[in-house]
N, C-alpha and C. Protein backbone atom coordinates (compact mmCIF):
# COMPACT_ATOMS: atom_id res chain seq x y z
N UNK A 1 -31.79 -58.18 -28.62
CA UNK A 1 -31.89 -59.47 -27.79
C UNK A 1 -30.92 -60.36 -27.98
N UNK A 2 -30.31 -60.75 -26.94
CA UNK A 2 -29.25 -61.92 -27.15
C UNK A 2 -29.63 -63.15 -27.15
N UNK A 3 -29.10 -63.91 -28.21
CA UNK A 3 -29.23 -65.33 -28.14
C UNK A 3 -28.89 -66.08 -26.90
N UNK A 4 -29.81 -66.90 -26.28
CA UNK A 4 -29.45 -67.37 -24.94
C UNK A 4 -28.69 -68.60 -25.14
N UNK A 5 -27.50 -68.71 -24.35
CA UNK A 5 -26.46 -69.75 -24.51
C UNK A 5 -27.37 -70.95 -23.50
N UNK A 6 -27.02 -72.17 -23.98
CA UNK A 6 -27.36 -73.44 -23.10
C UNK A 6 -25.96 -74.13 -22.85
N UNK A 7 -26.21 -74.95 -21.74
CA UNK A 7 -25.09 -75.69 -21.23
C UNK A 7 -25.16 -77.31 -21.30
N UNK A 8 -24.24 -78.04 -21.05
CA UNK A 8 -24.65 -79.58 -20.97
C UNK A 8 -25.38 -79.72 -19.92
N UNK A 9 -25.71 -79.17 -18.93
CA UNK A 9 -26.41 -79.39 -17.91
C UNK A 9 -28.12 -78.96 -18.08
N UNK A 10 -28.01 -78.12 -19.13
CA UNK A 10 -29.37 -77.80 -19.26
C UNK A 10 -29.95 -78.10 -20.97
N UNK A 11 -29.03 -78.70 -21.68
CA UNK A 11 -29.47 -78.85 -22.89
C UNK A 11 -30.63 -79.53 -23.06
N UNK A 12 -30.80 -80.72 -22.38
CA UNK A 12 -32.16 -81.36 -22.44
C UNK A 12 -33.32 -80.78 -22.16
N UNK A 13 -33.23 -80.05 -21.09
CA UNK A 13 -34.55 -79.16 -20.89
C UNK A 13 -34.60 -77.90 -21.79
N UNK A 14 -33.65 -77.27 -22.41
CA UNK A 14 -33.74 -76.11 -23.03
C UNK A 14 -33.82 -76.47 -24.55
N UNK A 15 -33.39 -77.71 -25.00
CA UNK A 15 -33.49 -77.74 -26.32
C UNK A 15 -34.27 -79.11 -26.72
N UNK A 16 -33.82 -80.18 -26.20
CA UNK A 16 -34.63 -81.42 -26.61
C UNK A 16 -35.86 -81.28 -26.07
N UNK A 17 -36.43 -81.00 -25.11
CA UNK A 17 -37.74 -80.82 -24.66
C UNK A 17 -38.56 -79.82 -25.08
N UNK A 18 -38.05 -78.95 -25.81
CA UNK A 18 -38.72 -77.92 -26.49
C UNK A 18 -39.93 -78.15 -27.11
N UNK A 19 -40.87 -77.22 -27.11
CA UNK A 19 -42.25 -77.54 -27.72
C UNK A 19 -42.08 -76.79 -29.32
N UNK A 20 -41.01 -76.03 -29.44
CA UNK A 20 -40.78 -75.33 -30.78
C UNK A 20 -39.53 -75.88 -31.02
N UNK A 21 -39.40 -75.60 -32.46
CA UNK A 21 -38.18 -76.52 -33.17
C UNK A 21 -37.06 -75.36 -32.55
N UNK A 22 -35.73 -76.06 -32.41
CA UNK A 22 -34.77 -75.30 -32.01
C UNK A 22 -33.54 -75.26 -32.88
N UNK A 23 -33.21 -74.09 -33.30
CA UNK A 23 -31.98 -73.68 -33.98
C UNK A 23 -30.65 -73.62 -32.89
N UNK A 24 -30.02 -74.91 -33.00
CA UNK A 24 -28.78 -74.61 -32.07
C UNK A 24 -27.55 -74.27 -32.72
N UNK A 25 -26.94 -73.28 -32.48
CA UNK A 25 -25.52 -72.51 -32.89
C UNK A 25 -24.58 -73.16 -32.24
N UNK A 26 -23.78 -73.94 -32.81
CA UNK A 26 -22.43 -74.22 -32.03
C UNK A 26 -21.16 -73.42 -32.67
N UNK A 27 -20.56 -73.05 -31.45
CA UNK A 27 -19.61 -71.83 -31.88
C UNK A 27 -18.54 -72.19 -30.64
N UNK A 28 -17.42 -71.15 -31.11
CA UNK A 28 -16.38 -71.23 -30.08
C UNK A 28 -15.60 -69.83 -30.19
N UNK A 29 -15.41 -69.14 -29.24
CA UNK A 29 -14.72 -67.92 -28.92
C UNK A 29 -13.59 -67.54 -29.85
N UNK A 30 -12.81 -68.68 -29.84
CA UNK A 30 -11.48 -68.61 -30.27
C UNK A 30 -11.44 -68.65 -31.94
N UNK A 31 -12.64 -69.10 -32.37
CA UNK A 31 -12.77 -68.83 -34.09
C UNK A 31 -13.40 -67.64 -34.39
N UNK A 32 -12.54 -67.06 -35.10
CA UNK A 32 -12.92 -65.63 -35.65
C UNK A 32 -14.27 -65.77 -36.76
N UNK A 33 -14.32 -66.96 -37.33
CA UNK A 33 -15.35 -67.53 -38.38
C UNK A 33 -16.79 -67.46 -37.56
N UNK A 34 -16.62 -67.51 -36.39
CA UNK A 34 -17.80 -67.41 -35.57
C UNK A 34 -18.51 -66.21 -35.41
N UNK A 35 -17.73 -65.14 -35.14
CA UNK A 35 -18.37 -63.88 -34.92
C UNK A 35 -19.42 -63.19 -35.52
N UNK A 36 -19.15 -63.33 -36.98
CA UNK A 36 -20.31 -62.75 -37.81
C UNK A 36 -21.73 -63.53 -37.57
N UNK A 37 -21.58 -64.76 -36.76
CA UNK A 37 -22.99 -65.51 -36.78
C UNK A 37 -23.82 -64.70 -35.89
N UNK A 38 -23.25 -64.14 -34.82
CA UNK A 38 -23.97 -63.64 -33.64
C UNK A 38 -25.06 -62.54 -34.11
N UNK A 39 -25.03 -61.63 -34.78
CA UNK A 39 -26.02 -60.57 -35.44
C UNK A 39 -26.93 -61.38 -36.41
N UNK A 40 -26.61 -62.27 -36.83
CA UNK A 40 -27.36 -62.86 -37.90
C UNK A 40 -28.49 -63.83 -36.77
N UNK A 41 -27.98 -64.51 -35.83
CA UNK A 41 -28.80 -65.05 -35.01
C UNK A 41 -29.64 -64.37 -34.49
N UNK A 42 -29.15 -63.23 -33.79
CA UNK A 42 -30.06 -62.20 -33.15
C UNK A 42 -31.22 -61.57 -33.62
N UNK A 43 -30.86 -61.28 -34.99
CA UNK A 43 -32.00 -60.68 -36.10
C UNK A 43 -32.90 -61.66 -36.25
N UNK A 44 -32.78 -63.05 -36.54
CA UNK A 44 -33.54 -64.04 -36.80
C UNK A 44 -34.27 -64.37 -35.48
N UNK A 45 -33.88 -64.33 -34.59
CA UNK A 45 -34.50 -64.79 -33.16
C UNK A 45 -35.58 -63.43 -32.82
N UNK A 46 -35.07 -62.13 -33.28
CA UNK A 46 -35.94 -61.17 -32.81
C UNK A 46 -37.14 -61.36 -33.73
N UNK A 47 -37.00 -61.82 -34.97
CA UNK A 47 -38.00 -61.72 -35.76
C UNK A 47 -38.97 -63.13 -35.74
N UNK A 48 -38.25 -64.39 -35.58
CA UNK A 48 -38.87 -65.57 -35.14
C UNK A 48 -38.96 -66.48 -34.37
N UNK A 49 -38.46 -65.66 -33.20
CA UNK A 49 -38.19 -66.54 -31.83
C UNK A 49 -39.57 -67.06 -31.24
N UNK A 50 -40.57 -66.42 -31.62
CA UNK A 50 -41.65 -67.00 -31.22
C UNK A 50 -42.12 -68.42 -31.82
N UNK A 51 -41.29 -68.67 -32.86
CA UNK A 51 -41.82 -70.11 -33.66
C UNK A 51 -40.81 -70.89 -33.52
N UNK A 52 -39.47 -70.31 -33.57
CA UNK A 52 -38.27 -71.29 -33.56
C UNK A 52 -37.30 -70.78 -32.38
N UNK A 53 -37.17 -71.64 -31.55
CA UNK A 53 -35.97 -71.10 -30.32
C UNK A 53 -34.69 -71.15 -30.90
N UNK A 54 -33.75 -70.16 -30.74
CA UNK A 54 -32.44 -69.80 -31.19
C UNK A 54 -31.70 -69.99 -29.61
N UNK A 55 -30.57 -71.04 -29.95
CA UNK A 55 -29.71 -71.09 -28.82
C UNK A 55 -28.35 -71.18 -29.44
N UNK A 56 -27.37 -71.23 -28.35
CA UNK A 56 -26.04 -71.12 -28.68
C UNK A 56 -25.46 -72.21 -27.93
N UNK A 57 -24.38 -72.90 -28.10
CA UNK A 57 -23.49 -73.85 -27.30
C UNK A 57 -21.99 -73.47 -27.64
N UNK A 58 -21.27 -73.13 -26.72
CA UNK A 58 -19.87 -73.05 -26.81
C UNK A 58 -19.09 -74.33 -26.79
N UNK A 59 -18.49 -74.94 -27.69
CA UNK A 59 -18.22 -76.14 -28.01
C UNK A 59 -16.81 -76.19 -27.12
N UNK A 60 -16.19 -75.40 -26.73
CA UNK A 60 -14.99 -75.42 -25.77
C UNK A 60 -15.60 -75.33 -24.35
N UNK A 61 -16.62 -75.07 -23.87
CA UNK A 61 -17.13 -75.04 -22.51
C UNK A 61 -18.02 -76.19 -22.50
N UNK A 62 -18.77 -76.34 -23.39
CA UNK A 62 -19.84 -77.40 -23.47
C UNK A 62 -19.33 -78.79 -24.36
N UNK A 63 -18.31 -79.46 -24.01
CA UNK A 63 -17.68 -80.30 -24.63
C UNK A 63 -18.70 -81.72 -24.72
N UNK A 64 -19.46 -82.08 -23.69
CA UNK A 64 -20.42 -83.13 -23.90
C UNK A 64 -21.47 -83.02 -24.79
N UNK A 65 -21.86 -81.86 -25.14
CA UNK A 65 -23.10 -81.64 -26.02
C UNK A 65 -22.42 -81.67 -27.53
N UNK A 66 -21.42 -80.96 -27.39
CA UNK A 66 -20.49 -80.79 -28.91
C UNK A 66 -20.29 -82.22 -29.46
N UNK A 67 -19.73 -82.92 -28.45
CA UNK A 67 -19.29 -84.17 -28.85
C UNK A 67 -20.55 -85.11 -28.89
N UNK A 68 -21.68 -85.17 -28.63
CA UNK A 68 -22.89 -85.93 -28.74
C UNK A 68 -23.61 -85.55 -30.20
N UNK A 69 -23.25 -84.18 -30.60
CA UNK A 69 -23.75 -83.79 -32.10
C UNK A 69 -22.68 -84.01 -33.15
N UNK A 70 -21.46 -84.47 -32.57
CA UNK A 70 -20.48 -84.78 -33.47
C UNK A 70 -19.83 -83.47 -34.25
N UNK A 71 -20.05 -82.50 -33.55
CA UNK A 71 -19.51 -81.20 -34.17
C UNK A 71 -18.01 -81.10 -34.29
N UNK A 72 -17.63 -80.88 -35.64
CA UNK A 72 -16.51 -81.07 -36.14
C UNK A 72 -15.95 -79.81 -36.41
N UNK A 73 -16.86 -78.97 -36.76
CA UNK A 73 -16.43 -77.63 -37.38
C UNK A 73 -17.28 -76.57 -36.85
N UNK A 74 -16.80 -75.17 -36.44
CA UNK A 74 -17.56 -74.26 -36.01
C UNK A 74 -17.51 -73.01 -36.95
N UNK A 75 -18.51 -72.31 -37.14
CA UNK A 75 -19.94 -72.65 -36.51
C UNK A 75 -20.65 -73.79 -37.34
N UNK A 76 -21.45 -74.59 -36.61
CA UNK A 76 -22.16 -75.58 -37.18
C UNK A 76 -23.47 -75.38 -36.30
N UNK A 77 -24.54 -75.15 -37.42
CA UNK A 77 -26.16 -75.01 -36.75
C UNK A 77 -26.75 -76.33 -37.05
N UNK A 78 -27.44 -76.59 -35.93
CA UNK A 78 -28.16 -77.74 -36.22
C UNK A 78 -29.78 -77.61 -36.00
N UNK A 79 -30.68 -78.04 -36.52
CA UNK A 79 -32.12 -77.95 -36.31
C UNK A 79 -32.58 -79.21 -35.50
N UNK A 80 -33.13 -78.95 -34.31
CA UNK A 80 -33.89 -80.20 -33.63
C UNK A 80 -35.33 -79.86 -33.79
N UNK A 81 -36.14 -80.77 -33.76
CA UNK A 81 -37.50 -80.90 -33.76
C UNK A 81 -38.03 -81.93 -33.03
N UNK A 82 -38.73 -81.54 -31.88
CA UNK A 82 -39.15 -82.50 -30.91
C UNK A 82 -37.83 -83.47 -30.58
N UNK A 83 -36.76 -82.96 -30.35
CA UNK A 83 -35.75 -83.46 -29.76
C UNK A 83 -34.88 -84.07 -30.64
N UNK A 84 -35.30 -84.24 -32.06
CA UNK A 84 -34.35 -85.23 -33.00
C UNK A 84 -33.93 -84.12 -34.00
N UNK A 85 -32.77 -84.19 -34.48
CA UNK A 85 -31.89 -83.51 -35.56
C UNK A 85 -32.65 -83.78 -36.84
N UNK A 86 -33.03 -82.62 -37.40
CA UNK A 86 -33.76 -82.77 -38.80
C UNK A 86 -32.84 -81.90 -39.82
N UNK A 87 -31.97 -80.98 -39.55
CA UNK A 87 -31.20 -80.71 -40.39
C UNK A 87 -29.75 -80.27 -39.79
N UNK A 88 -28.73 -80.06 -40.77
CA UNK A 88 -27.67 -79.35 -40.25
C UNK A 88 -26.86 -78.37 -41.39
N UNK A 89 -26.13 -77.41 -40.59
CA UNK A 89 -25.50 -76.56 -41.85
C UNK A 89 -24.05 -76.26 -41.03
N UNK A 90 -22.81 -76.90 -41.92
CA UNK A 90 -21.72 -76.46 -41.02
C UNK A 90 -21.06 -75.44 -41.48
N UNK A 91 -21.80 -74.27 -41.61
CA UNK A 91 -21.10 -72.94 -42.13
C UNK A 91 -22.10 -71.66 -41.62
N UNK A 92 -21.76 -70.57 -41.74
CA UNK A 92 -22.38 -69.68 -41.49
C UNK A 92 -23.78 -69.35 -42.53
N UNK A 93 -24.88 -69.31 -42.31
CA UNK A 93 -25.97 -68.97 -43.20
C UNK A 93 -26.68 -67.53 -42.70
N UNK A 94 -27.03 -66.76 -43.86
CA UNK A 94 -27.52 -65.53 -43.87
C UNK A 94 -28.99 -65.71 -43.08
N UNK A 95 -29.48 -64.40 -42.56
CA UNK A 95 -30.73 -64.61 -42.41
C UNK A 95 -31.70 -65.00 -43.10
N UNK A 96 -31.39 -64.64 -44.53
CA UNK A 96 -32.55 -64.80 -45.47
C UNK A 96 -32.40 -66.39 -45.68
N UNK A 97 -31.11 -67.01 -45.65
CA UNK A 97 -30.79 -68.41 -45.97
C UNK A 97 -31.84 -69.27 -44.64
N UNK A 98 -31.60 -68.84 -43.54
CA UNK A 98 -32.22 -69.28 -42.42
C UNK A 98 -33.72 -69.15 -42.81
N UNK A 99 -34.45 -68.08 -43.08
CA UNK A 99 -35.84 -68.24 -43.47
C UNK A 99 -36.11 -68.97 -44.37
N UNK A 100 -35.56 -69.05 -45.43
CA UNK A 100 -35.73 -70.31 -46.57
C UNK A 100 -35.67 -71.51 -45.92
N UNK A 101 -34.40 -72.04 -45.06
CA UNK A 101 -34.36 -73.09 -44.74
C UNK A 101 -35.12 -73.64 -43.56
N UNK A 102 -35.79 -72.71 -42.93
CA UNK A 102 -36.86 -72.87 -41.87
C UNK A 102 -38.38 -72.43 -42.24
N UNK A 103 -38.65 -72.46 -43.63
CA UNK A 103 -39.78 -71.71 -43.82
C UNK A 103 -41.07 -72.49 -43.38
N UNK A 104 -40.62 -73.86 -43.34
CA UNK A 104 -42.14 -74.68 -42.91
C UNK A 104 -42.14 -74.56 -41.52
N UNK A 105 -41.46 -73.89 -40.86
CA UNK A 105 -41.62 -73.70 -39.32
C UNK A 105 -41.91 -72.11 -38.90
N UNK A 106 -41.62 -71.27 -39.77
CA UNK A 106 -41.88 -69.82 -39.39
C UNK A 106 -43.32 -69.35 -40.24
N UNK A 107 -43.81 -70.02 -40.99
CA UNK A 107 -44.74 -69.73 -41.80
C UNK A 107 -44.78 -69.13 -42.96
């Protein structure tokens, strides 16, 4: 299952108004350091996507959203709960680290 991309035009509906917590992965195709994150996010989403929505934002294409969240490095992961930022990780996380970091939301 592929992690869904969200865009400047859909970010409010897809991330800020979500009933579930949302893990937003800010990434860029031009950055080789982002490539290893995709399978980690897909595995996390496959196992926990019913409790935490996982989406990705391409910072090169969705400049307004990246600017709004002051993303300076990619990859950067941001956890949104009811539209508010609750945590931020400016690096790749393993699936196990994500499970630990988001334990209160995934049970």
